[in-house]
Amino acid sequence: MPLVAAACSSEMAIRFTSHYLHDKTRAKLHRANVNFLSEPIKDGTTGTVIVLTTPDAQRTMLAYQGTSSTINYDSCLAGIVSKTNIFVVEGYLFELPDTIKTIIRACEEARRSGALIAVTASDVSCIERHYDDYWEIVGNYADILFANSDEARALCHFSSKESPISATRYLSHFVPLVSVTDGPKGSYIGVKGEAVYIPPSPCVPVDTCGAGDAYASGVLYGILRGVSDLKGMGTLAARIAATVVGQQGTRLRVQDAVDLAESFAFNLKGSSSSVSSDVGSDHISSL
């Protein structure tokens, strides 16, 4: 289970801290350009997540942290952070003891090296338990924030009656780029107090596990390629999420990934490189 991810234009390096993986699993992840920055722990117990999916495609996750509960800011992590284009902090990290200092050190290093910092909200109950820690990172370091509608409302201290677009607009006053998903109702991307609505991409739901991460990957993919068309970026993210939701399991098939990337590149040729039609005169490059 990834703890801190650094997304680069040529590869994605994911740190599994104190987390033993079997050689077969490690080899599969290496083929997907996932690089391990620390040695496996021989004496610990492997972190495990059990995902329960109901017939209506909804999922519940039961997590056991194992040795993944220890995060150390060692030289390997420090070295990759300084070479990163986008540094991604997983919100579940706030559940682990004494990790906030490690996260702050990593964010400060990312900021010094000119990397963008993205934070995923991860879970409403986690936000409620560690609200101040979330805002310590989101308010002081985040360039990009990923949340679903419930998580966005929790970060805003909004009631359930508030709309996702209101939460998106509010959060975008504090974070340069905000992405808020609302399941089959669509999603929003917010910049400087304004929000662009992204319609959902049609699919027949099979398994919603991984939908949020898949959506985030589309946004990060667009940013890493210098795209400043929020609508186009959000549309790609929605299509990736729909592809993952329409299958069993969270891994995007290689051919699906190729088709999505090619379609995205083709559509961009006819789109504006500016976001002026949606959210004023600012470009994502201003991040």
C-alpha atoms as a PDB file:
ATOM      1  CA  MET A   1       0.000   0.000   0.000  1.00  0.00           C
ATOM      2  CA  PRO A   2       1.700   3.245  -1.075  1.00  0.00           C
ATOM      3  CA  LEU A   3       2.498   5.733   1.657  1.00  0.00           C
ATOM      4  CA  VAL A   4       4.064   8.663  -0.108  1.00  0.00           C
ATOM      5  CA  ALA A   5       4.161   8.897  -3.886  1.00  0.00           C
ATOM      6  CA  ALA A   6       6.301  11.133  -6.038  1.00  0.00           C
ATOM      7  CA  ALA A   7       4.914  11.446  -9.567  1.00  0.00           C
ATOM      8  CA  CYS A   8       7.474  12.260 -12.251  1.00  0.00           C
ATOM      9  CA  SER A   9       7.036  12.899 -15.985  1.00  0.00           C
ATOM     10  CA  SER A  10       9.065   9.822 -16.920  1.00  0.00           C
ATOM     11  CA  GLU A  11       8.183   7.493 -14.070  1.00  0.00           C
ATOM     12  CA  MET A  12       6.346   7.212 -10.801  1.00  0.00           C
ATOM     13  CA  ALA A  13       8.396   6.407  -7.740  1.00  0.00           C
ATOM     14  CA  ILE A  14       6.424   5.061  -4.820  1.00  0.00           C
ATOM     15  CA  ARG A  15       7.877   4.538  -1.406  1.00  0.00           C
ATOM     16  CA  PHE A  16       6.758   1.547   0.589  1.00  0.00           C
ATOM     17  CA  THR A  17       8.236   2.223   4.032  1.00  0.00           C
ATOM     18  CA  SER A  18       9.130  -0.856   6.082  1.00  0.00           C
ATOM     19  CA  HIS A  19       6.819  -2.931   3.918  1.00  0.00           C
ATOM     20  CA  TYR A  20       7.744  -6.420   2.795  1.00  0.00           C
ATOM     21  CA  LEU A  21       6.493  -7.538  -0.615  1.00  0.00           C
ATOM     22  CA  HIS A  22       6.855 -10.923  -2.222  1.00  0.00           C
ATOM     23  CA  ASP A  23       9.287 -11.042  -5.139  1.00  0.00           C
ATOM     24  CA  LYS A  24       6.533 -11.793  -7.660  1.00  0.00           C
ATOM     25  CA  THR A  25       4.518  -8.738  -6.640  1.00  0.00           C
ATOM     26  CA  ARG A  26       7.676  -6.619  -6.595  1.00  0.00           C
ATOM     27  CA  ALA A  27       8.555  -7.743 -10.124  1.00  0.00           C
ATOM     28  CA  LYS A  28       5.077  -6.844 -11.413  1.00  0.00           C
ATOM     29  CA  LEU A  29       5.293  -3.377  -9.920  1.00  0.00           C
ATOM     30  CA  HIS A  30       8.788  -2.849 -11.347  1.00  0.00           C
ATOM     31  CA  ARG A  31       7.340  -3.543 -14.804  1.00  0.00           C
ATOM     32  CA  ALA A  32       4.854  -0.737 -14.118  1.00  0.00           C
ATOM     33  CA  ASN A  33       7.759   1.673 -13.360  1.00  0.00           C
ATOM     34  CA  VAL A  34       7.184   1.556  -9.600  1.00  0.00           C
ATOM     35  CA  ASN A  35      10.559   1.817  -7.899  1.00  0.00           C
ATOM     36  CA  PHE A  36      11.219   0.801  -4.299  1.00  0.00           C
ATOM     37  CA  LEU A  37      13.478   3.107  -2.343  1.00  0.00           C
ATOM     38  CA  SER A  38      14.003   1.064   0.815  1.00  0.00           C
ATOM     39  CA  GLU A  39      15.020  -2.468   1.655  1.00  0.00           C
ATOM     40  CA  PRO A  40      12.259  -4.924   2.627  1.00  0.00           C
ATOM     41  CA  ILE A  41      11.815  -5.703   6.320  1.00  0.00           C
ATOM     42  CA  LYS A  42      12.352  -9.406   6.934  1.00  0.00           C
ATOM     43  CA  ASP A  43      11.052  -9.631  10.497  1.00  0.00           C
ATOM     44  CA  GLY A  44       7.867  -7.560  10.292  1.00  0.00           C
ATOM     45  CA  THR A  45       4.367  -8.380   9.142  1.00  0.00           C
ATOM     46  CA  THR A  46       3.099  -7.242   5.754  1.00  0.00           C
ATOM     47  CA  GLY A  47       0.461  -4.520   5.671  1.00  0.00           C
ATOM     48  CA  THR A  48      -2.805  -5.858   4.271  1.00  0.00           C
ATOM     49  CA  VAL A  49      -5.971  -4.295   2.873  1.00  0.00           C
ATOM     50  CA  ILE A  50      -9.128  -6.357   2.354  1.00  0.00           C
ATOM     51  CA  VAL A  51     -11.610  -4.792  -0.067  1.00  0.00           C
ATOM     52  CA  LEU A  52     -15.257  -5.842   0.125  1.00  0.00           C
ATOM     53  CA  THR A  53     -17.320  -4.997  -2.971  1.00  0.00           C
ATOM     54  CA  THR A  54     -21.123  -5.265  -2.868  1.00  0.00           C
ATOM     55  CA  PRO A  55     -23.337  -6.071  -5.887  1.00  0.00           C
ATOM     56  CA  ASP A  56     -24.066  -2.354  -6.379  1.00  0.00           C
ATOM     57  CA  ALA A  57     -20.305  -1.798  -6.987  1.00  0.00           C
ATOM     58  CA  GLN A  58     -19.711   0.000  -3.668  1.00  0.00           C
ATOM     59  CA  ARG A  59     -16.699  -0.973  -1.589  1.00  0.00           C
ATOM     60  CA  THR A  60     -15.461  -1.044   1.989  1.00  0.00           C
ATOM     61  CA  MET A  61     -11.796  -1.400   2.912  1.00  0.00           C
ATOM     62  CA  LEU A  62     -10.422  -3.097   6.009  1.00  0.00           C
ATOM     63  CA  ALA A  63      -6.797  -2.134   6.577  1.00  0.00           C
ATOM     64  CA  TYR A  64      -4.055  -3.605   8.734  1.00  0.00           C
ATOM     65  CA  GLN A  65      -0.969  -1.394   8.707  1.00  0.00           C
ATOM     66  CA  GLY A  66       1.657  -3.923   9.744  1.00  0.00           C
ATOM     67  CA  THR A  67       5.174  -2.537   9.377  1.00  0.00           C
ATOM     68  CA  SER A  68       3.821   0.192   7.099  1.00  0.00           C
ATOM     69  CA  SER A  69       2.978   2.178  10.228  1.00  0.00           C
ATOM     70  CA  THR A  70       6.619   3.326  10.461  1.00  0.00           C
ATOM     71  CA  ILE A  71       7.695   6.176   8.226  1.00  0.00           C
ATOM     72  CA  ASN A  72      11.247   7.462   8.371  1.00  0.00           C
ATOM     73  CA  TYR A  73      12.567  10.440   6.448  1.00  0.00           C
ATOM     74  CA  ASP A  74      15.788   8.774   5.360  1.00  0.00           C
ATOM     75  CA  SER A  75      18.286   9.694   2.670  1.00  0.00           C
ATOM     76  CA  CYS A  76      16.488   7.640   0.001  1.00  0.00           C
ATOM     77  CA  LEU A  77      13.243   9.528   0.475  1.00  0.00           C
ATOM     78  CA  ALA A  78      14.983  12.889   0.756  1.00  0.00           C
ATOM     79  CA  GLY A  79      16.888  12.236  -2.463  1.00  0.00           C
ATOM     80  CA  ILE A  80      13.838  11.361  -4.575  1.00  0.00           C
ATOM     81  CA  VAL A  81      11.762  14.253  -3.232  1.00  0.00           C
ATOM     82  CA  SER A  82      14.329  16.757  -4.526  1.00  0.00           C
ATOM     83  CA  LYS A  83      14.074  15.241  -8.041  1.00  0.00           C
ATOM     84  CA  THR A  84      10.291  15.119  -8.179  1.00  0.00           C
ATOM     85  CA  ASN A  85       7.896  17.105 -10.346  1.00  0.00           C
ATOM     86  CA  ILE A  86       4.810  16.378  -8.240  1.00  0.00           C
ATOM     87  CA  PHE A  87       5.004  15.113  -4.676  1.00  0.00           C
ATOM     88  CA  VAL A  88       1.830  13.335  -3.549  1.00  0.00           C
ATOM     89  CA  VAL A  89       0.918  12.989   0.129  1.00  0.00           C
ATOM     90  CA  GLU A  90      -1.682  10.339   0.968  1.00  0.00           C
ATOM     91  CA  GLY A  91      -4.186  11.507   3.578  1.00  0.00           C
ATOM     92  CA  TYR A  92      -4.207   8.161   5.381  1.00  0.00           C
ATOM     93  CA  LEU A  93      -0.706   9.033   6.573  1.00  0.00           C
ATOM     94  CA  PHE A  94      -2.236  11.315   9.171  1.00  0.00           C
ATOM     95  CA  GLU A  95      -3.565   8.217  10.950  1.00  0.00           C
ATOM     96  CA  LEU A  96      -0.056   6.990  11.679  1.00  0.00           C
ATOM     97  CA  PRO A  97       1.724   8.176  14.856  1.00  0.00           C
ATOM     98  CA  ASP A  98       4.345  10.914  14.550  1.00  0.00           C
ATOM     99  CA  THR A  99       4.097  11.186  10.743  1.00  0.00           C
ATOM    100  CA  ILE A 100       3.157  14.854  10.548  1.00  0.00           C
ATOM    101  CA  LYS A 101       6.780  15.929  11.178  1.00  0.00           C
ATOM    102  CA  THR A 102       7.975  13.597   8.436  1.00  0.00           C
ATOM    103  CA  ILE A 103       5.367  14.944   6.016  1.00  0.00           C
ATOM    104  CA  ILE A 104       6.305  18.546   6.794  1.00  0.00           C
ATOM    105  CA  ARG A 105      10.009  17.832   6.198  1.00  0.00           C
ATOM    106  CA  ALA A 106       9.220  16.158   2.882  1.00  0.00           C
ATOM    107  CA  CYS A 107       6.925  19.015   1.822  1.00  0.00           C
ATOM    108  CA  GLU A 108       9.562  21.600   2.686  1.00  0.00           C
ATOM    109  CA  GLU A 109      12.122  19.719   0.609  1.00  0.00           C
ATOM    110  CA  ALA A 110       9.657  19.472  -2.284  1.00  0.00           C
ATOM    111  CA  ARG A 111       8.966  23.194  -2.051  1.00  0.00           C
ATOM    112  CA  ARG A 112      12.694  24.020  -2.081  1.00  0.00           C
ATOM    113  CA  SER A 113      13.232  21.895  -5.196  1.00  0.00           C
ATOM    114  CA  GLY A 114      10.308  23.504  -7.038  1.00  0.00           C
ATOM    115  CA  ALA A 115       8.021  20.469  -7.008  1.00  0.00           C
ATOM    116  CA  LEU A 116       4.254  20.753  -6.871  1.00  0.00           C
ATOM    117  CA  ILE A 117       2.669  19.222  -3.761  1.00  0.00           C
ATOM    118  CA  ALA A 118      -0.600  17.294  -4.038  1.00  0.00           C
ATOM    119  CA  VAL A 119      -2.635  16.073  -1.057  1.00  0.00           C
ATOM    120  CA  THR A 120      -5.352  13.433  -1.165  1.00  0.00           C
ATOM    121  CA  ALA A 121      -8.069  13.775   1.492  1.00  0.00           C
ATOM    122  CA  SER A 122      -8.583   9.985   1.651  1.00  0.00           C
ATOM    123  CA  ASP A 123     -11.336   9.592   4.258  1.00  0.00           C
ATOM    124  CA  VAL A 124     -13.916  11.694   6.121  1.00  0.00           C
ATOM    125  CA  SER A 125     -13.335  10.086   9.511  1.00  0.00           C
ATOM    126  CA  CYS A 126      -9.593  10.560   9.092  1.00  0.00           C
ATOM    127  CA  ILE A 127     -10.156  14.266   8.379  1.00  0.00           C
ATOM    128  CA  GLU A 128     -12.380  14.610  11.433  1.00  0.00           C
ATOM    129  CA  ARG A 129      -9.813  12.955  13.709  1.00  0.00           C
ATOM    130  CA  HIS A 130      -6.850  14.926  12.366  1.00  0.00           C
ATOM    131  CA  TYR A 131      -8.440  18.135  11.142  1.00  0.00           C
ATOM    132  CA  ASP A 132      -5.682  20.470  12.346  1.00  0.00           C
ATOM    133  CA  ASP A 133      -2.941  18.266  10.862  1.00  0.00           C
ATOM    134  CA  TYR A 134      -4.722  18.231   7.502  1.00  0.00           C
ATOM    135  CA  TRP A 135      -4.896  21.997   7.403  1.00  0.00           C
ATOM    136  CA  GLU A 136      -1.284  22.266   8.538  1.00  0.00           C
ATOM    137  CA  ILE A 137      -0.323  20.605   5.252  1.00  0.00           C
ATOM    138  CA  VAL A 138      -3.171  21.748   2.985  1.00  0.00           C
ATOM    139  CA  GLY A 139      -3.021  25.372   4.077  1.00  0.00           C
ATOM    140  CA  ASN A 140       0.748  25.748   4.060  1.00  0.00           C
ATOM    141  CA  TYR A 141       2.019  23.433   1.328  1.00  0.00           C
ATOM    142  CA  ALA A 142      -0.625  22.010  -1.027  1.00  0.00           C
ATOM    143  CA  ASP A 143      -0.723  23.128  -4.662  1.00  0.00           C
ATOM    144  CA  ILE A 144      -3.269  20.451  -5.588  1.00  0.00           C
ATOM    145  CA  LEU A 145      -6.006  18.900  -3.456  1.00  0.00           C
ATOM    146  CA  PHE A 146      -7.989  15.747  -4.273  1.00  0.00           C
ATOM    147  CA  ALA A 147     -11.209  14.983  -2.376  1.00  0.00           C
ATOM    148  CA  ASN A 148     -14.644  13.546  -2.886  1.00  0.00           C
ATOM    149  CA  SER A 149     -17.701  15.622  -2.026  1.00  0.00           C
ATOM    150  CA  ASP A 150     -18.003  14.346   1.560  1.00  0.00           C
ATOM    151  CA  GLU A 151     -14.304  14.858   2.247  1.00  0.00           C
ATOM    152  CA  ALA A 152     -14.419  18.351   0.750  1.00  0.00           C
ATOM    153  CA  ARG A 153     -17.332  19.301   2.999  1.00  0.00           C
ATOM    154  CA  ALA A 154     -15.478  17.891   6.016  1.00  0.00           C
ATOM    155  CA  LEU A 155     -12.421  20.006   5.213  1.00  0.00           C
ATOM    156  CA  CYS A 156     -14.659  23.074   4.949  1.00  0.00           C
ATOM    157  CA  HIS A 157     -16.684  22.221   8.071  1.00  0.00           C
ATOM    158  CA  PHE A 158     -19.741  22.371   5.801  1.00  0.00           C
ATOM    159  CA  SER A 159     -22.966  20.503   6.507  1.00  0.00           C
ATOM    160  CA  SER A 160     -24.179  17.727   4.232  1.00  0.00           C
ATOM    161  CA  LYS A 161     -26.664  20.206   2.725  1.00  0.00           C
ATOM    162  CA  GLU A 162     -23.884  22.245   1.117  1.00  0.00           C
ATOM    163  CA  SER A 163     -23.225  21.483  -2.540  1.00  0.00           C
ATOM    164  CA  PRO A 164     -19.925  20.049  -3.808  1.00  0.00           C
ATOM    165  CA  ILE A 165     -19.438  23.116  -6.009  1.00  0.00           C
ATOM    166  CA  SER A 166     -19.620  25.360  -2.928  1.00  0.00           C
ATOM    167  CA  ALA A 167     -16.957  23.277  -1.192  1.00  0.00           C
ATOM    168  CA  THR A 168     -14.798  23.321  -4.330  1.00  0.00           C
ATOM    169  CA  ARG A 169     -14.993  27.101  -4.594  1.00  0.00           C
ATOM    170  CA  TYR A 170     -14.250  27.564  -0.902  1.00  0.00           C
ATOM    171  CA  LEU A 171     -11.204  25.272  -0.903  1.00  0.00           C
ATOM    172  CA  SER A 172      -9.830  26.875  -4.071  1.00  0.00           C
ATOM    173  CA  HIS A 173      -9.276  30.078  -2.094  1.00  0.00           C
ATOM    174  CA  PHE A 174      -6.622  28.182  -0.112  1.00  0.00           C
ATOM    175  CA  VAL A 175      -5.267  25.694  -2.669  1.00  0.00           C
ATOM    176  CA  PRO A 176      -4.374  26.707  -6.258  1.00  0.00           C
ATOM    177  CA  LEU A 177      -6.043  23.662  -7.862  1.00  0.00           C
ATOM    178  CA  VAL A 178      -8.856  21.676  -6.224  1.00  0.00           C
ATOM    179  CA  SER A 179     -10.435  18.496  -7.591  1.00  0.00           C
ATOM    180  CA  VAL A 180     -13.713  17.316  -6.030  1.00  0.00           C
ATOM    181  CA  THR A 181     -15.486  14.194  -7.276  1.00  0.00           C
ATOM    182  CA  ASP A 182     -19.171  13.483  -6.692  1.00  0.00           C
ATOM    183  CA  GLY A 183     -19.575   9.901  -7.901  1.00  0.00           C
ATOM    184  CA  PRO A 184     -22.027   9.385 -10.787  1.00  0.00           C
ATOM    185  CA  LYS A 185     -23.069  13.048 -10.579  1.00  0.00           C
ATOM    186  CA  GLY A 186     -19.751  14.229 -12.023  1.00  0.00           C
ATOM    187  CA  SER A 187     -16.911  16.291 -10.584  1.00  0.00           C
ATOM    188  CA  TYR A 188     -15.520  19.800 -10.205  1.00  0.00           C
ATOM    189  CA  ILE A 189     -12.153  21.435 -10.671  1.00  0.00           C
ATOM    190  CA  GLY A 190     -11.673  24.692  -8.799  1.00  0.00           C
ATOM    191  CA  VAL A 191      -9.239  27.571  -9.280  1.00  0.00           C
ATOM    192  CA  LYS A 192      -9.270  30.868  -7.347  1.00  0.00           C
ATOM    193  CA  GLY A 193     -12.834  30.773  -6.109  1.00  0.00           C
ATOM    194  CA  GLU A 194     -14.366  29.430  -9.339  1.00  0.00           C
ATOM    195  CA  ALA A 195     -15.256  25.876 -10.317  1.00  0.00           C
ATOM    196  CA  VAL A 196     -15.610  24.026 -13.612  1.00  0.00           C
ATOM    197  CA  TYR A 197     -18.183  21.226 -13.757  1.00  0.00           C
ATOM    198  CA  ILE A 198     -16.996  17.982 -15.351  1.00  0.00           C
ATOM    199  CA  PRO A 199     -19.819  15.666 -16.505  1.00  0.00           C
ATOM    200  CA  PRO A 200     -19.461  11.978 -15.581  1.00  0.00           C
ATOM    201  CA  SER A 201     -18.184   9.604 -18.216  1.00  0.00           C
ATOM    202  CA  PRO A 202     -20.784   6.890 -18.897  1.00  0.00           C
ATOM    203  CA  CYS A 203     -20.099   3.347 -17.737  1.00  0.00           C
ATOM    204  CA  VAL A 204     -21.768   0.313 -16.187  1.00  0.00           C
ATOM    205  CA  PRO A 205     -20.399   0.193 -12.602  1.00  0.00           C
ATOM    206  CA  VAL A 206     -18.716  -3.038 -11.581  1.00  0.00           C
ATOM    207  CA  ASP A 207     -16.309  -2.021  -8.816  1.00  0.00           C
ATOM    208  CA  THR A 208     -15.833   1.539  -7.508  1.00  0.00           C
ATOM    209  CA  CYS A 209     -12.604   0.695  -5.687  1.00  0.00           C
ATOM    210  CA  GLY A 210      -9.845   2.935  -7.042  1.00  0.00           C
ATOM    211  CA  ALA A 211     -12.146   5.407  -8.786  1.00  0.00           C
ATOM    212  CA  GLY A 212     -10.782   8.423  -6.909  1.00  0.00           C
ATOM    213  CA  ASP A 213      -7.153   7.465  -7.516  1.00  0.00           C
ATOM    214  CA  ALA A 214      -7.902   6.866 -11.191  1.00  0.00           C
ATOM    215  CA  TYR A 215      -9.479  10.316 -11.475  1.00  0.00           C
ATOM    216  CA  ALA A 216      -6.490  11.899  -9.735  1.00  0.00           C
ATOM    217  CA  SER A 217      -4.126  10.162 -12.164  1.00  0.00           C
ATOM    218  CA  GLY A 218      -5.847  11.897 -15.081  1.00  0.00           C
ATOM    219  CA  VAL A 219      -5.418  15.305 -13.464  1.00  0.00           C
ATOM    220  CA  LEU A 220      -1.750  14.637 -12.660  1.00  0.00           C
ATOM    221  CA  TYR A 221      -1.149  13.299 -16.182  1.00  0.00           C
ATOM    222  CA  GLY A 222      -2.501  16.526 -17.655  1.00  0.00           C
ATOM    223  CA  ILE A 223      -0.486  18.762 -15.336  1.00  0.00           C
ATOM    224  CA  LEU A 224       2.743  16.884 -16.037  1.00  0.00           C
ATOM    225  CA  ARG A 225       2.180  17.500 -19.740  1.00  0.00           C
ATOM    226  CA  GLY A 226       1.616  21.205 -19.273  1.00  0.00           C
ATOM    227  CA  VAL A 227      -2.095  21.173 -20.072  1.00  0.00           C
ATOM    228  CA  SER A 228      -4.016  24.245 -18.927  1.00  0.00           C
ATOM    229  CA  ASP A 229      -7.449  23.287 -20.261  1.00  0.00           C
ATOM    230  CA  LEU A 230      -9.340  22.363 -17.105  1.00  0.00           C
ATOM    231  CA  LYS A 231     -12.328  20.964 -18.971  1.00  0.00           C
ATOM    232  CA  GLY A 232     -10.165  18.693 -21.098  1.00  0.00           C
ATOM    233  CA  MET A 233      -8.117  17.564 -18.129  1.00  0.00           C
ATOM    234  CA  GLY A 234     -11.226  16.808 -16.093  1.00  0.00           C
ATOM    235  CA  THR A 235     -12.822  14.952 -18.986  1.00  0.00           C
ATOM    236  CA  LEU A 236      -9.776  12.689 -19.270  1.00  0.00           C
ATOM    237  CA  ALA A 237      -9.820  12.104 -15.499  1.00  0.00           C
ATOM    238  CA  ALA A 238     -13.509  11.198 -15.620  1.00  0.00           C
ATOM    239  CA  ARG A 239     -12.926   8.768 -18.497  1.00  0.00           C
ATOM    240  CA  ILE A 240     -10.074   7.053 -16.645  1.00  0.00           C
ATOM    241  CA  ALA A 241     -12.219   6.738 -13.523  1.00  0.00           C
ATOM    242  CA  ALA A 242     -15.125   5.327 -15.559  1.00  0.00           C
ATOM    243  CA  THR A 243     -12.817   2.780 -17.158  1.00  0.00           C
ATOM    244  CA  VAL A 244     -11.646   1.562 -13.753  1.00  0.00           C
ATOM    245  CA  VAL A 245     -15.177   1.544 -12.291  1.00  0.00           C
ATOM    246  CA  GLY A 246     -16.376  -0.529 -15.249  1.00  0.00           C
ATOM    247  CA  GLN A 247     -14.008  -3.404 -14.494  1.00  0.00           C
ATOM    248  CA  GLN A 248     -13.126  -5.672 -11.602  1.00  0.00           C
ATOM    249  CA  GLY A 249      -9.988  -4.432  -9.869  1.00  0.00           C
ATOM    250  CA  THR A 250      -8.191  -1.104  -9.824  1.00  0.00           C
ATOM    251  CA  ARG A 251      -5.370  -1.605 -12.311  1.00  0.00           C
ATOM    252  CA  LEU A 252      -5.835   0.121 -15.670  1.00  0.00           C
ATOM    253  CA  ARG A 253      -5.117  -2.259 -18.510  1.00  0.00           C
ATOM    254  CA  VAL A 254      -2.194  -1.245 -20.718  1.00  0.00           C
ATOM    255  CA  GLN A 255      -4.271  -0.987 -23.895  1.00  0.00           C
ATOM    256  CA  ASP A 256      -6.910   1.069 -22.100  1.00  0.00           C
ATOM    257  CA  ALA A 257      -4.201   3.437 -20.878  1.00  0.00           C
ATOM    258  CA  VAL A 258      -2.785   3.775 -24.397  1.00  0.00           C
ATOM    259  CA  ASP A 259      -6.220   4.436 -25.890  1.00  0.00           C
ATOM    260  CA  LEU A 260      -7.043   7.059 -23.252  1.00  0.00           C
ATOM    261  CA  ALA A 261      -3.719   8.850 -23.723  1.00  0.00           C
ATOM    262  CA  GLU A 262      -4.089   8.890 -27.510  1.00  0.00           C
ATOM    263  CA  SER A 263      -7.653  10.169 -27.295  1.00  0.00           C
ATOM    264  CA  PHE A 264      -6.582  12.876 -24.866  1.00  0.00           C
ATOM    265  CA  ALA A 265      -3.765  14.038 -27.141  1.00  0.00           C
ATOM    266  CA  PHE A 266      -6.103  14.116 -30.153  1.00  0.00           C
ATOM    267  CA  ASN A 267      -8.791  16.112 -28.334  1.00  0.00           C
ATOM    268  CA  LEU A 268      -6.273  18.657 -27.074  1.00  0.00           C
ATOM    269  CA  LYS A 269      -5.311  19.598 -30.622  1.00  0.00           C
ATOM    270  CA  GLY A 270      -8.705  21.185 -31.110  1.00  0.00           C
ATOM    271  CA  SER A 271      -9.048  22.685 -27.649  1.00  0.00           C
ATOM    272  CA  SER A 272      -7.863  25.976 -26.222  1.00  0.00           C
ATOM    273  CA  SER A 273      -4.659  25.929 -24.205  1.00  0.00           C
ATOM    274  CA  SER A 274      -6.154  28.510 -21.889  1.00  0.00           C
ATOM    275  CA  VAL A 275      -8.679  28.144 -19.095  1.00  0.00           C
ATOM    276  CA  SER A 276     -10.016  31.653 -19.668  1.00  0.00           C
ATOM    277  CA  SER A 277     -13.392  30.447 -20.869  1.00  0.00           C
ATOM    278  CA  ASP A 278     -13.941  28.597 -17.624  1.00  0.00           C
ATOM    279  CA  VAL A 279     -12.169  30.230 -14.721  1.00  0.00           C
ATOM    280  CA  GLY A 280     -10.833  33.602 -15.724  1.00  0.00           C
ATOM    281  CA  SER A 281      -7.409  34.323 -17.184  1.00  0.00           C
ATOM    282  CA  ASP A 282      -5.297  32.036 -15.020  1.00  0.00           C
ATOM    283  CA  HIS A 283      -3.449  29.043 -16.378  1.00  0.00           C
ATOM    284  CA  ILE A 284      -2.503  25.896 -14.541  1.00  0.00           C
ATOM    285  CA  SER A 285       1.090  26.804 -15.347  1.00  0.00           C
ATOM    286  CA  SER A 286       0.727  29.547 -12.736  1.00  0.00           C
ATOM    287  CA  LEU A 287       1.071  26.782 -10.147  1.00  0.00           C
END
